[in-house]
Amino acid sequence: NWCYPPVRRVQSSKLGPTPPRLLTEEEYRLQGEVETRKALAELRSFCQSPEFSAWTTVSRIQSPKRFADFVGGASHVTPNEVSVHEREFGLESLFINEQLFEEDDDEEEEEEENVNDSFAG
């Protein structure tokens, strides 16, 4: 019995590390939101720090006012950008993609039936 714990350690080292648990879609979305908010706060903080060269940055960007608004606390995306994103990646796009894939599947089935009919005749 005195050597039992070391045997357990050897057995567990042979098994290797356990794989990480995969996130659910909701956990993934939530983690993305949390990490994005955190990174944006860090970026704002850096842009307000003394070591940040505001003039150099402003001279390089297309929309200095939008950047200044962001540093001041405004959103990093416009309502129009949110709308475009929702159309492209939201539930609406999932529905459209689902319909497109269903149509593609129907067309492929018809083509297969036509090919099979031509070989059978």
C-alpha atoms as a PDB file:
ATOM      1  CA  ASN A   1       0.000   0.000   0.000  1.00  0.00           C
ATOM      2  CA  TRP A   2       2.890   2.413   0.554  1.00  0.00           C
ATOM      3  CA  CYS A   3       3.658   2.421  -3.203  1.00  0.00           C
ATOM      4  CA  TYR A   4       0.049   2.835  -4.356  1.00  0.00           C
ATOM      5  CA  PRO A   5       0.016   6.665  -4.786  1.00  0.00           C
ATOM      6  CA  PRO A   6       3.087   6.701  -7.113  1.00  0.00           C
ATOM      7  CA  VAL A   7       1.428   4.047  -9.293  1.00  0.00           C
ATOM      8  CA  ARG A   8      -1.594   6.311  -9.631  1.00  0.00           C
ATOM      9  CA  ARG A   9       0.673   9.176 -10.763  1.00  0.00           C
ATOM     10  CA  VAL A  10       2.338   6.960 -13.396  1.00  0.00           C
ATOM     11  CA  GLN A  11      -1.025   5.780 -14.712  1.00  0.00           C
ATOM     12  CA  SER A  12      -2.411   9.312 -14.971  1.00  0.00           C
ATOM     13  CA  SER A  13       0.726  10.555 -16.765  1.00  0.00           C
ATOM     14  CA  LYS A  14       0.334   7.788 -19.355  1.00  0.00           C
ATOM     15  CA  LEU A  15      -3.196   8.913 -20.135  1.00  0.00           C
ATOM     16  CA  GLY A  16      -1.988  12.392 -21.049  1.00  0.00           C
ATOM     17  CA  PRO A  17      -3.719  15.669 -20.455  1.00  0.00           C
ATOM     18  CA  THR A  18      -7.469  15.739 -20.665  1.00  0.00           C
ATOM     19  CA  PRO A  19      -8.759  17.714 -23.644  1.00  0.00           C
ATOM     20  CA  PRO A  20     -10.398  21.039 -22.825  1.00  0.00           C
ATOM     21  CA  ARG A  21     -14.163  21.189 -22.708  1.00  0.00           C
ATOM     22  CA  LEU A  22     -15.634  22.746 -25.843  1.00  0.00           C
ATOM     23  CA  LEU A  23     -17.794  25.818 -25.419  1.00  0.00           C
ATOM     24  CA  THR A  24     -21.453  25.861 -26.286  1.00  0.00           C
ATOM     25  CA  GLU A  25     -22.540  28.409 -28.904  1.00  0.00           C
ATOM     26  CA  GLU A  26     -23.960  30.634 -26.158  1.00  0.00           C
ATOM     27  CA  GLU A  27     -20.739  30.429 -24.093  1.00  0.00           C
ATOM     28  CA  TYR A  28     -18.701  31.208 -27.227  1.00  0.00           C
ATOM     29  CA  ARG A  29     -20.858  34.261 -28.045  1.00  0.00           C
ATOM     30  CA  LEU A  30     -20.743  35.492 -24.452  1.00  0.00           C
ATOM     31  CA  GLN A  31     -16.966  35.031 -24.209  1.00  0.00           C
ATOM     32  CA  GLY A  32     -16.562  36.940 -27.480  1.00  0.00           C
ATOM     33  CA  GLU A  33     -18.617  39.843 -26.149  1.00  0.00           C
ATOM     34  CA  VAL A  34     -16.740  39.946 -22.835  1.00  0.00           C
ATOM     35  CA  GLU A  35     -13.303  39.752 -24.453  1.00  0.00           C
ATOM     36  CA  THR A  36     -14.215  42.376 -27.063  1.00  0.00           C
ATOM     37  CA  ARG A  37     -15.419  44.808 -24.393  1.00  0.00           C
ATOM     38  CA  LYS A  38     -12.247  44.185 -22.399  1.00  0.00           C
ATOM     39  CA  ALA A  39      -9.964  44.730 -25.423  1.00  0.00           C
ATOM     40  CA  LEU A  40     -11.813  47.905 -26.437  1.00  0.00           C
ATOM     41  CA  ALA A  41     -11.448  49.274 -22.894  1.00  0.00           C
ATOM     42  CA  GLU A  42      -7.711  48.501 -22.986  1.00  0.00           C
ATOM     43  CA  LEU A  43      -7.407  50.239 -26.373  1.00  0.00           C
ATOM     44  CA  ARG A  44      -9.249  53.326 -25.097  1.00  0.00           C
ATOM     45  CA  SER A  45      -7.039  53.398 -22.026  1.00  0.00           C
ATOM     46  CA  PHE A  46      -3.870  53.171 -24.135  1.00  0.00           C
ATOM     47  CA  CYS A  47      -5.108  55.906 -26.500  1.00  0.00           C
ATOM     48  CA  GLN A  48      -5.615  58.206 -23.494  1.00  0.00           C
ATOM     49  CA  SER A  49      -2.163  57.490 -22.039  1.00  0.00           C
ATOM     50  CA  PRO A  50       0.801  59.892 -22.342  1.00  0.00           C
ATOM     51  CA  GLU A  51       2.882  57.424 -24.400  1.00  0.00           C
ATOM     52  CA  PHE A  52       0.255  57.346 -27.167  1.00  0.00           C
ATOM     53  CA  SER A  53       1.067  59.603 -30.130  1.00  0.00           C
ATOM     54  CA  ALA A  54      -2.366  60.997 -30.959  1.00  0.00           C
ATOM     55  CA  TRP A  55      -1.188  63.310 -33.766  1.00  0.00           C
ATOM     56  CA  THR A  56       0.629  60.516 -35.578  1.00  0.00           C
ATOM     57  CA  THR A  57      -2.390  58.252 -35.333  1.00  0.00           C
ATOM     58  CA  VAL A  58      -4.934  60.905 -36.324  1.00  0.00           C
ATOM     59  CA  SER A  59      -2.862  61.837 -39.384  1.00  0.00           C
ATOM     60  CA  ARG A  60      -3.039  58.214 -40.603  1.00  0.00           C
ATOM     61  CA  ILE A  61      -6.718  57.383 -40.146  1.00  0.00           C
ATOM     62  CA  GLN A  62      -9.652  58.107 -42.447  1.00  0.00           C
ATOM     63  CA  SER A  63     -12.070  59.372 -39.810  1.00  0.00           C
ATOM     64  CA  PRO A  64     -10.336  61.302 -37.005  1.00  0.00           C
ATOM     65  CA  LYS A  65     -13.644  62.472 -35.494  1.00  0.00           C
ATOM     66  CA  ARG A  66     -14.948  58.917 -35.245  1.00  0.00           C
ATOM     67  CA  PHE A  67     -11.680  57.871 -33.600  1.00  0.00           C
ATOM     68  CA  ALA A  68     -11.881  60.748 -31.114  1.00  0.00           C
ATOM     69  CA  ASP A  69     -15.478  59.797 -30.313  1.00  0.00           C
ATOM     70  CA  PHE A  70     -14.377  56.191 -29.707  1.00  0.00           C
ATOM     71  CA  VAL A  71     -11.573  57.262 -27.374  1.00  0.00           C
ATOM     72  CA  GLY A  72     -14.130  59.420 -25.558  1.00  0.00           C
ATOM     73  CA  GLY A  73     -16.369  56.389 -24.963  1.00  0.00           C
ATOM     74  CA  ALA A  74     -18.574  56.130 -28.066  1.00  0.00           C
ATOM     75  CA  SER A  75     -19.253  52.803 -29.734  1.00  0.00           C
ATOM     76  CA  HIS A  76     -16.633  51.366 -32.062  1.00  0.00           C
ATOM     77  CA  VAL A  77     -19.296  50.543 -34.682  1.00  0.00           C
ATOM     78  CA  THR A  78     -21.994  52.662 -36.274  1.00  0.00           C
ATOM     79  CA  PRO A  79     -25.664  51.638 -36.339  1.00  0.00           C
ATOM     80  CA  ASN A  80     -25.323  51.130 -40.112  1.00  0.00           C
ATOM     81  CA  GLU A  81     -22.383  48.736 -39.580  1.00  0.00           C
ATOM     82  CA  VAL A  82     -24.441  46.783 -37.040  1.00  0.00           C
ATOM     83  CA  SER A  83     -27.296  46.540 -39.520  1.00  0.00           C
ATOM     84  CA  VAL A  84     -25.015  45.306 -42.316  1.00  0.00           C
ATOM     85  CA  HIS A  85     -23.436  42.753 -39.981  1.00  0.00           C
ATOM     86  CA  GLU A  86     -26.845  41.462 -38.900  1.00  0.00           C
ATOM     87  CA  ARG A  87     -27.900  41.059 -42.525  1.00  0.00           C
ATOM     88  CA  GLU A  88     -24.710  39.185 -43.414  1.00  0.00           C
ATOM     89  CA  PHE A  89     -24.210  37.081 -40.284  1.00  0.00           C
ATOM     90  CA  GLY A  90     -27.429  37.266 -38.259  1.00  0.00           C
ATOM     91  CA  LEU A  91     -30.466  35.020 -38.189  1.00  0.00           C
ATOM     92  CA  GLU A  92     -31.686  36.467 -41.478  1.00  0.00           C
ATOM     93  CA  SER A  93     -28.560  35.250 -43.297  1.00  0.00           C
ATOM     94  CA  LEU A  94     -28.855  31.822 -41.694  1.00  0.00           C
ATOM     95  CA  PHE A  95     -32.391  31.526 -43.042  1.00  0.00           C
ATOM     96  CA  ILE A  96     -31.302  32.633 -46.529  1.00  0.00           C
ATOM     97  CA  ASN A  97     -28.316  30.240 -46.527  1.00  0.00           C
ATOM     98  CA  GLU A  98     -30.569  27.418 -45.404  1.00  0.00           C
ATOM     99  CA  GLN A  99     -32.915  28.102 -48.309  1.00  0.00           C
ATOM    100  CA  LEU A 100     -30.033  28.284 -50.786  1.00  0.00           C
ATOM    101  CA  PHE A 101     -28.575  24.985 -49.611  1.00  0.00           C
ATOM    102  CA  GLU A 102     -31.995  23.318 -49.789  1.00  0.00           C
ATOM    103  CA  GLU A 103     -32.361  24.532 -53.401  1.00  0.00           C
ATOM    104  CA  ASP A 104     -28.865  23.244 -54.249  1.00  0.00           C
ATOM    105  CA  ASP A 105     -29.685  19.851 -52.723  1.00  0.00           C
ATOM    106  CA  ASP A 106     -32.934  19.642 -54.724  1.00  0.00           C
ATOM    107  CA  GLU A 107     -31.101  20.498 -57.971  1.00  0.00           C
ATOM    108  CA  GLU A 108     -28.396  17.883 -57.281  1.00  0.00           C
ATOM    109  CA  GLU A 109     -31.035  15.217 -56.620  1.00  0.00           C
ATOM    110  CA  GLU A 110     -32.792  16.072 -59.908  1.00  0.00           C
ATOM    111  CA  GLU A 111     -29.488  15.902 -61.813  1.00  0.00           C
ATOM    112  CA  GLU A 112     -28.689  12.512 -60.258  1.00  0.00           C
ATOM    113  CA  GLU A 113     -32.144  11.216 -61.213  1.00  0.00           C
ATOM    114  CA  ASN A 114     -31.672  12.434 -64.811  1.00  0.00           C
ATOM    115  CA  VAL A 115     -28.250  10.771 -65.046  1.00  0.00           C
ATOM    116  CA  ASN A 116     -29.604   7.539 -63.598  1.00  0.00           C
ATOM    117  CA  ASP A 117     -32.563   7.604 -66.036  1.00  0.00           C
ATOM    118  CA  SER A 118     -30.264   8.094 -69.032  1.00  0.00           C
ATOM    119  CA  PHE A 119     -28.090   5.116 -68.015  1.00  0.00           C
ATOM    120  CA  ALA A 120     -31.113   2.922 -67.308  1.00  0.00           C
ATOM    121  CA  GLY A 121     -32.680   3.560 -70.742  1.00  0.00           C
END
